[in-house]
PDB file of all heavy atoms in Angstrom:
ATOM      1  N   SER A   1     124.590 103.886  79.347  1.00  0.00           N
ATOM      2  CA  SER A   1     124.975 102.640  80.047  1.00  0.00           C
ATOM      3  C   SER A   1     124.015 102.367  81.209  1.00  0.00           C
ATOM      4  O   SER A   1     124.212 101.382  81.912  1.00  0.00           O
ATOM      5  CB  SER A   1     126.387 102.638  80.473  1.00  0.00           C
ATOM      6  OG  SER A   1     126.658 103.584  81.463  1.00  0.00           O
ATOM      7  N   GLY A   2     123.117 103.254  81.465  1.00  0.00           N
ATOM      8  CA  GLY A   2     122.170 103.138  82.549  1.00  0.00           C
ATOM      9  C   GLY A   2     122.622 103.691  83.898  1.00  0.00           C
ATOM     10  O   GLY A   2     122.038 103.396  84.884  1.00  0.00           O
ATOM     11  N   HIS A   3     123.678 104.459  83.923  1.00  0.00           N
ATOM     12  CA  HIS A   3     124.234 105.042  85.150  1.00  0.00           C
ATOM     13  C   HIS A   3     124.114 106.553  85.180  1.00  0.00           C
ATOM     14  O   HIS A   3     124.947 107.274  85.786  1.00  0.00           O
ATOM     15  CB  HIS A   3     125.755 104.644  85.313  1.00  0.00           C
ATOM     16  CG  HIS A   3     125.970 103.170  85.412  1.00  0.00           C
ATOM     17  ND1 HIS A   3     126.100 102.316  84.297  1.00  0.00           N
ATOM     18  CD2 HIS A   3     126.001 102.365  86.532  1.00  0.00           C
ATOM     19  CE1 HIS A   3     126.263 101.088  84.764  1.00  0.00           C
ATOM     20  NE2 HIS A   3     126.212 101.076  86.059  1.00  0.00           N
ATOM     21  N   GLY A   4     123.101 107.123  84.603  1.00  0.00           N
ATOM     22  CA  GLY A   4     122.877 108.505  84.562  1.00  0.00           C
ATOM     23  C   GLY A   4     122.642 109.135  85.978  1.00  0.00           C
ATOM     24  O   GLY A   4     123.006 110.291  86.286  1.00  0.00           O
ATOM     25  N   LYS A   5     122.105 108.340  86.911  1.00  0.00           N
ATOM     26  CA  LYS A   5     121.939 108.859  88.236  1.00  0.00           C
ATOM     27  C   LYS A   5     123.245 109.148  88.972  1.00  0.00           C
ATOM     28  O   LYS A   5     123.248 109.835  89.981  1.00  0.00           O
ATOM     29  CB  LYS A   5     121.092 107.855  89.056  1.00  0.00           C
ATOM     30  CG  LYS A   5     121.775 106.508  89.289  1.00  0.00           C
ATOM     31  CD  LYS A   5     120.875 105.557  90.077  1.00  0.00           C
ATOM     32  CE  LYS A   5     121.548 104.221  90.258  1.00  0.00           C
ATOM     33  NZ  LYS A   5     122.740 104.337  91.080  1.00  0.00           N
ATOM     34  N   ASP A   6     124.396 108.567  88.525  1.00  0.00           N
ATOM     35  CA  ASP A   6     125.690 108.800  89.092  1.00  0.00           C
ATOM     36  C   ASP A   6     126.371 110.061  88.715  1.00  0.00           C
ATOM     37  O   ASP A   6     127.429 110.406  89.187  1.00  0.00           O
ATOM     38  CB  ASP A   6     126.550 107.600  88.843  1.00  0.00           C
ATOM     39  CG  ASP A   6     126.039 106.334  89.450  1.00  0.00           C
ATOM     40  OD1 ASP A   6     125.364 106.442  90.472  1.00  0.00           O
ATOM     41  OD2 ASP A   6     126.191 105.246  88.883  1.00  0.00           O
ATOM     42  N   ILE A   7     125.792 110.774  87.744  1.00  0.00           N
ATOM     43  CA  ILE A   7     126.415 112.021  87.250  1.00  0.00           C
ATOM     44  C   ILE A   7     126.351 113.060  88.344  1.00  0.00           C
ATOM     45  O   ILE A   7     125.308 113.226  89.015  1.00  0.00           O
ATOM     46  CB  ILE A   7     125.697 112.519  85.953  1.00  0.00           C
ATOM     47  CG1 ILE A   7     125.912 111.493  84.792  1.00  0.00           C
ATOM     48  CG2 ILE A   7     126.170 113.928  85.552  1.00  0.00           C
ATOM     49  CD1 ILE A   7     125.131 111.839  83.537  1.00  0.00           C
ATOM     50  N   ASP A   8     127.374 113.839  88.469  1.00  0.00           N
ATOM     51  CA  ASP A   8     127.427 114.896  89.506  1.00  0.00           C
ATOM     52  C   ASP A   8     126.504 116.044  89.050  1.00  0.00           C
ATOM     53  O   ASP A   8     126.717 116.640  88.058  1.00  0.00           O
ATOM     54  CB  ASP A   8     128.887 115.407  89.679  1.00  0.00           C
ATOM     55  CG  ASP A   8     128.988 116.513  90.717  1.00  0.00           C
ATOM     56  OD1 ASP A   8     128.006 116.714  91.423  1.00  0.00           O
ATOM     57  OD2 ASP A   8     130.009 117.161  90.745  1.00  0.00           O
ATOM     58  N   LYS A   9     125.472 116.322  89.909  1.00  0.00           N
ATOM     59  CA  LYS A   9     124.502 117.348  89.573  1.00  0.00           C
ATOM     60  C   LYS A   9     124.557 118.610  90.532  1.00  0.00           C
ATOM     61  O   LYS A   9     123.683 119.364  90.675  1.00  0.00           O
ATOM     62  CB  LYS A   9     123.062 116.778  89.570  1.00  0.00           C
ATOM     63  CG  LYS A   9     122.909 115.602  88.619  1.00  0.00           C
ATOM     64  CD  LYS A   9     121.639 114.915  88.810  1.00  0.00           C
ATOM     65  CE  LYS A   9     121.599 113.607  88.096  1.00  0.00           C
ATOM     66  NZ  LYS A   9     122.511 112.569  88.740  1.00  0.00           N
ATOM     67  N   SER A  10     125.686 118.705  91.229  1.00  0.00           N
ATOM     68  CA  SER A  10     125.877 119.676  92.228  1.00  0.00           C
ATOM     69  C   SER A  10     125.856 121.090  91.642  1.00  0.00           C
ATOM     70  O   SER A  10     125.566 122.081  92.360  1.00  0.00           O
ATOM     71  CB  SER A  10     127.147 119.501  93.001  1.00  0.00           C
ATOM     72  OG  SER A  10     128.255 119.517  92.183  1.00  0.00           O
ATOM     73  N   SER A  11     126.205 121.206  90.365  1.00  0.00           N
ATOM     74  CA  SER A  11     126.249 122.499  89.720  1.00  0.00           C
ATOM     75  C   SER A  11     124.931 122.998  89.229  1.00  0.00           C
ATOM     76  O   SER A  11     124.698 124.104  88.741  1.00  0.00           O
ATOM     77  CB  SER A  11     127.227 122.411  88.455  1.00  0.00           C
ATOM     78  OG  SER A  11     126.735 121.513  87.552  1.00  0.00           O
ATOM     79  N   LEU A  12     123.835 122.139  89.350  1.00  0.00           N
ATOM     80  CA  LEU A  12     122.530 122.472  88.844  1.00  0.00           C
ATOM     81  C   LEU A  12     121.759 123.210  89.980  1.00  0.00           C
ATOM     82  O   LEU A  12     121.251 122.550  90.902  1.00  0.00           O
ATOM     83  CB  LEU A  12     121.739 121.281  88.407  1.00  0.00           C
ATOM     84  CG  LEU A  12     122.332 120.443  87.235  1.00  0.00           C
ATOM     85  CD1 LEU A  12     121.471 119.196  86.961  1.00  0.00           C
ATOM     86  CD2 LEU A  12     122.474 121.275  86.021  1.00  0.00           C
ATOM     87  N   GLU A  13     121.653 124.494  89.826  1.00  0.00           N
ATOM     88  CA  GLU A  13     121.041 125.309  90.829  1.00  0.00           C
ATOM     89  C   GLU A  13     119.473 125.275  90.585  1.00  0.00           C
ATOM     90  O   GLU A  13     119.014 125.384  89.433  1.00  0.00           O
ATOM     91  CB  GLU A  13     121.517 126.726  90.836  1.00  0.00           C
ATOM     92  CG  GLU A  13     122.946 126.833  91.210  1.00  0.00           C
ATOM     93  CD  GLU A  13     123.420 128.285  91.204  1.00  0.00           C
ATOM     94  OE1 GLU A  13     122.581 129.140  90.951  1.00  0.00           O
ATOM     95  OE2 GLU A  13     124.637 128.522  91.512  1.00  0.00           O
ATOM     96  N   LYS A  14     118.750 125.142  91.618  1.00  0.00           N
ATOM     97  CA  LYS A  14     117.239 125.286  91.594  1.00  0.00           C
ATOM     98  C   LYS A  14     116.613 124.186  90.661  1.00  0.00           C
ATOM     99  O   LYS A  14     115.576 124.422  90.085  1.00  0.00           O
ATOM    100  CB  LYS A  14     116.856 126.701  91.086  1.00  0.00           C
ATOM    101  CG  LYS A  14     117.323 127.809  92.047  1.00  0.00           C
ATOM    102  CD  LYS A  14     116.850 129.138  91.492  1.00  0.00           C
ATOM    103  CE  LYS A  14     117.327 130.235  92.406  1.00  0.00           C
ATOM    104  NZ  LYS A  14     116.901 131.588  91.947  1.00  0.00           N
ATOM    105  N   VAL A  15     117.322 123.069  90.473  1.00  0.00           N
ATOM    106  CA  VAL A  15     116.768 121.968  89.708  1.00  0.00           C
ATOM    107  C   VAL A  15     116.688 120.797  90.644  1.00  0.00           C
ATOM    108  O   VAL A  15     117.643 120.271  91.126  1.00  0.00           O
ATOM    109  CB  VAL A  15     117.609 121.645  88.519  1.00  0.00           C
ATOM    110  CG1 VAL A  15     117.079 120.413  87.695  1.00  0.00           C
ATOM    111  CG2 VAL A  15     117.689 122.850  87.537  1.00  0.00           C
ATOM    112  N   ASP A  16     115.414 120.238  90.833  1.00  0.00           N
ATOM    113  CA  ASP A  16     115.196 119.070  91.652  1.00  0.00           C
ATOM    114  C   ASP A  16     115.482 117.812  90.809  1.00  0.00           C
ATOM    115  O   ASP A  16     114.669 117.299  90.096  1.00  0.00           O
ATOM    116  CB  ASP A  16     113.784 119.047  92.139  1.00  0.00           C
ATOM    117  CG  ASP A  16     113.535 117.828  93.046  1.00  0.00           C
ATOM    118  OD1 ASP A  16     114.493 117.285  93.571  1.00  0.00           O
ATOM    119  OD2 ASP A  16     112.348 117.539  93.214  1.00  0.00           O
ATOM    120  N   SER A  17     116.732 117.378  90.838  1.00  0.00           N
ATOM    121  CA  SER A  17     117.177 116.307  89.990  1.00  0.00           C
ATOM    122  C   SER A  17     117.628 115.046  90.762  1.00  0.00           C
ATOM    123  O   SER A  17     118.497 115.180  91.553  1.00  0.00           O
ATOM    124  CB  SER A  17     118.297 116.766  89.028  1.00  0.00           C
ATOM    125  OG  SER A  17     118.776 115.746  88.283  1.00  0.00           O
ATOM    126  N   HIS A  18     116.905 113.966  90.512  1.00  0.00           N
ATOM    127  CA  HIS A  18     117.272 112.702  91.115  1.00  0.00           C
ATOM    128  C   HIS A  18     118.125 111.853  90.062  1.00  0.00           C
ATOM    129  O   HIS A  18     118.561 110.774  90.406  1.00  0.00           O
ATOM    130  CB  HIS A  18     116.098 111.950  91.611  1.00  0.00           C
ATOM    131  CG  HIS A  18     115.311 112.570  92.682  1.00  0.00           C
ATOM    132  ND1 HIS A  18     115.840 112.696  93.972  1.00  0.00           N
ATOM    133  CD2 HIS A  18     114.166 113.259  92.703  1.00  0.00           C
ATOM    134  CE1 HIS A  18     115.056 113.322  94.711  1.00  0.00           C
ATOM    135  NE2 HIS A  18     113.977 113.678  93.979  1.00  0.00           N
ATOM    136  N   GLY A  19     118.123 112.283  88.838  1.00  0.00           N
ATOM    137  CA  GLY A  19     118.855 111.529  87.822  1.00  0.00           C
ATOM    138  C   GLY A  19     118.133 110.341  87.293  1.00  0.00           C
ATOM    139  O   GLY A  19     118.773 109.372  86.737  1.00  0.00           O
ATOM    140  N   ILE A  20     116.831 110.196  87.476  1.00  0.00           N
ATOM    141  CA  ILE A  20     116.096 109.007  87.093  1.00  0.00           C
ATOM    142  C   ILE A  20     115.347 109.201  85.746  1.00  0.00           C
ATOM    143  O   ILE A  20     114.775 108.294  85.242  1.00  0.00           O
ATOM    144  CB  ILE A  20     115.212 108.503  88.122  1.00  0.00           C
ATOM    145  CG1 ILE A  20     114.062 109.519  88.410  1.00  0.00           C
ATOM    146  CG2 ILE A  20     115.931 108.160  89.413  1.00  0.00           C
ATOM    147  CD1 ILE A  20     112.945 108.986  89.314  1.00  0.00           C
ATOM    148  N   GLY A  21     115.321 110.510  85.233  1.00  0.00           N
ATOM    149  CA  GLY A  21     114.585 110.790  84.046  1.00  0.00           C
ATOM    150  C   GLY A  21     115.044 109.961  82.828  1.00  0.00           C
ATOM    151  O   GLY A  21     114.247 109.326  82.179  1.00  0.00           O
ATOM    152  N   MET A  22     116.370 110.037  82.510  1.00  0.00           N
ATOM    153  CA  MET A  22     116.846 109.326  81.398  1.00  0.00           C
ATOM    154  C   MET A  22     116.885 107.779  81.546  1.00  0.00           C
ATOM    155  O   MET A  22     116.579 107.096  80.577  1.00  0.00           O
ATOM    156  CB  MET A  22     118.273 109.843  80.985  1.00  0.00           C
ATOM    157  CG  MET A  22     118.317 111.145  80.333  1.00  0.00           C
ATOM    158  SD  MET A  22     117.248 111.276  78.841  1.00  0.00           S
ATOM    159  CE  MET A  22     117.952 110.036  77.811  1.00  0.00           C
ATOM    160  N   PRO A  23     117.209 107.275  82.772  1.00  0.00           N
ATOM    161  CA  PRO A  23     117.017 105.810  82.888  1.00  0.00           C
ATOM    162  C   PRO A  23     115.571 105.372  82.550  1.00  0.00           C
ATOM    163  O   PRO A  23     115.396 104.268  82.051  1.00  0.00           O
ATOM    164  CB  PRO A  23     117.385 105.632  84.352  1.00  0.00           C
ATOM    165  CG  PRO A  23     118.395 106.695  84.663  1.00  0.00           C
ATOM    166  CD  PRO A  23     117.869 107.901  83.908  1.00  0.00           C
ATOM    167  N   ILE A  24     114.582 106.177  82.917  1.00  0.00           N
ATOM    168  CA  ILE A  24     113.198 105.824  82.618  1.00  0.00           C
ATOM    169  C   ILE A  24     113.019 105.871  81.151  1.00  0.00           C
ATOM    170  O   ILE A  24     112.369 104.971  80.548  1.00  0.00           O
ATOM    171  CB  ILE A  24     112.256 106.790  83.337  1.00  0.00           C
ATOM    172  CG1 ILE A  24     112.203 106.511  84.863  1.00  0.00           C
ATOM    173  CG2 ILE A  24     110.780 106.644  82.792  1.00  0.00           C
ATOM    174  CD1 ILE A  24     111.414 107.504  85.688  1.00  0.00           C
ATOM    175  N   VAL A  25     113.581 106.891  80.455  1.00  0.00           N
ATOM    176  CA  VAL A  25     113.474 106.969  78.968  1.00  0.00           C
ATOM    177  C   VAL A  25     114.083 105.696  78.343  1.00  0.00           C
ATOM    178  O   VAL A  25     113.538 105.169  77.427  1.00  0.00           O
ATOM    179  CB  VAL A  25     114.157 108.259  78.491  1.00  0.00           C
ATOM    180  CG1 VAL A  25     114.197 108.227  76.983  1.00  0.00           C
ATOM    181  CG2 VAL A  25     113.330 109.486  78.862  1.00  0.00           C
ATOM    182  N   LEU A  26     115.265 105.348  78.771  1.00  0.00           N
ATOM    183  CA  LEU A  26     115.933 104.244  78.277  1.00  0.00           C
ATOM    184  C   LEU A  26     115.072 102.947  78.440  1.00  0.00           C
ATOM    185  O   LEU A  26     115.003 102.082  77.545  1.00  0.00           O
ATOM    186  CB  LEU A  26     117.328 104.050  78.966  1.00  0.00           C
ATOM    187  CG  LEU A  26     118.406 105.020  78.618  1.00  0.00           C
ATOM    188  CD1 LEU A  26     119.591 104.780  79.503  1.00  0.00           C
ATOM    189  CD2 LEU A  26     118.813 104.940  77.191  1.00  0.00           C
ATOM    190  N   LYS A  27     114.462 102.820  79.540  1.00  0.00           N
ATOM    191  CA  LYS A  27     113.598 101.683  79.833  1.00  0.00           C
ATOM    192  C   LYS A  27     112.433 101.583  78.902  1.00  0.00           C
ATOM    193  O   LYS A  27     112.035 100.629  78.313  1.00  0.00           O
ATOM    194  CB  LYS A  27     113.180 101.672  81.300  1.00  0.00           C
ATOM    195  CG  LYS A  27     112.511 100.371  81.757  1.00  0.00           C
ATOM    196  CD  LYS A  27     112.088 100.487  83.164  1.00  0.00           C
ATOM    197  CE  LYS A  27     113.205 100.692  84.122  1.00  0.00           C
ATOM    198  NZ  LYS A  27     112.803 100.752  85.580  1.00  0.00           N
ATOM    199  N   LEU A  28     111.859 102.827  78.660  1.00  0.00           N
ATOM    200  CA  LEU A  28     110.710 102.897  77.737  1.00  0.00           C
ATOM    201  C   LEU A  28     111.086 102.572  76.329  1.00  0.00           C
ATOM    202  O   LEU A  28     110.348 101.932  75.563  1.00  0.00           O
ATOM    203  CB  LEU A  28     110.103 104.288  77.831  1.00  0.00           C
ATOM    204  CG  LEU A  28     109.303 104.600  79.141  1.00  0.00           C
ATOM    205  CD1 LEU A  28     109.111 106.105  79.313  1.00  0.00           C
ATOM    206  CD2 LEU A  28     108.028 103.872  79.167  1.00  0.00           C
ATOM    207  N   VAL A  29     112.264 103.109  75.950  1.00  0.00           N
ATOM    208  CA  VAL A  29     112.702 102.862  74.534  1.00  0.00           C
ATOM    209  C   VAL A  29     112.920 101.342  74.329  1.00  0.00           C
ATOM    210  O   VAL A  29     112.580 100.776  73.303  1.00  0.00           O
ATOM    211  CB  VAL A  29     114.086 103.602  74.236  1.00  0.00           C
ATOM    212  CG1 VAL A  29     114.710 103.165  72.985  1.00  0.00           C
ATOM    213  CG2 VAL A  29     113.738 105.126  74.202  1.00  0.00           C
ATOM    214  N   GLU A  30     113.489 100.699  75.344  1.00  0.00           N
ATOM    215  CA  GLU A  30     113.704  99.254  75.341  1.00  0.00           C
ATOM    216  C   GLU A  30     112.361  98.535  75.197  1.00  0.00           C
ATOM    217  O   GLU A  30     112.311  97.541  74.367  1.00  0.00           O
ATOM    218  CB  GLU A  30     114.382  98.779  76.652  1.00  0.00           C
ATOM    219  CG  GLU A  30     114.715  97.346  76.648  1.00  0.00           C
ATOM    220  CD  GLU A  30     115.357  96.863  77.964  1.00  0.00           C
ATOM    221  OE1 GLU A  30     115.524  97.723  78.840  1.00  0.00           O
ATOM    222  OE2 GLU A  30     115.610  95.706  78.102  1.00  0.00           O
ATOM    223  N   LEU A  31     111.365  98.943  75.996  1.00  0.00           N
ATOM    224  CA  LEU A  31     110.077  98.284  75.874  1.00  0.00           C
ATOM    225  C   LEU A  31     109.488  98.463  74.497  1.00  0.00           C
ATOM    226  O   LEU A  31     108.786  97.534  74.035  1.00  0.00           O
ATOM    227  CB  LEU A  31     109.110  98.869  76.909  1.00  0.00           C
ATOM    228  CG  LEU A  31     109.384  98.554  78.415  1.00  0.00           C
ATOM    229  CD1 LEU A  31     108.534  99.364  79.264  1.00  0.00           C
ATOM    230  CD2 LEU A  31     109.117  97.080  78.615  1.00  0.00           C
ATOM    231  N   HIS A  32     109.711  99.565  73.836  1.00  0.00           N
ATOM    232  CA  HIS A  32     109.181  99.817  72.497  1.00  0.00           C
ATOM    233  C   HIS A  32     110.115  99.290  71.400  1.00  0.00           C
ATOM    234  O   HIS A  32     109.824  99.505  70.218  1.00  0.00           O
ATOM    235  CB  HIS A  32     108.945 101.272  72.251  1.00  0.00           C
ATOM    236  CG  HIS A  32     107.765 101.882  73.004  1.00  0.00           C
ATOM    237  ND1 HIS A  32     106.423 101.636  72.581  1.00  0.00           N
ATOM    238  CD2 HIS A  32     107.630 102.641  74.057  1.00  0.00           C
ATOM    239  CE1 HIS A  32     105.622 102.238  73.415  1.00  0.00           C
ATOM    240  NE2 HIS A  32     106.311 102.857  74.312  1.00  0.00           N
ATOM    241  N   GLN A  33     111.120  98.548  71.775  1.00  0.00           N
ATOM    242  CA  GLN A  33     112.086  98.014  70.784  1.00  0.00           C
ATOM    243  C   GLN A  33     112.722  99.076  69.859  1.00  0.00           C
ATOM    244  O   GLN A  33     112.837  98.962  68.680  1.00  0.00           O
ATOM    245  CB  GLN A  33     111.490  96.938  69.964  1.00  0.00           C
ATOM    246  CG  GLN A  33     110.960  95.760  70.793  1.00  0.00           C
ATOM    247  CD  GLN A  33     110.317  94.625  69.988  1.00  0.00           C
ATOM    248  OE1 GLN A  33     109.717  94.877  68.929  1.00  0.00           O
ATOM    249  NE2 GLN A  33     110.418  93.425  70.382  1.00  0.00           N
ATOM    250  N   GLY A  34     112.949 100.224  70.512  1.00  0.00           N
ATOM    251  CA  GLY A  34     113.487 101.390  69.805  1.00  0.00           C
ATOM    252  C   GLY A  34     114.928 101.627  69.918  1.00  0.00           C
ATOM    253  O   GLY A  34     115.680 100.724  70.494  1.00  0.00           O
TER     254      GLY A  34
END
């Protein structure tokens, strides 16, 4: 639904996560009509 950045990532140790990876993928898939 485009709200991946709102997922709680506090349990992810040693991972620099801003939660924007999958939103970027979704945007790219949309651009490719996939």
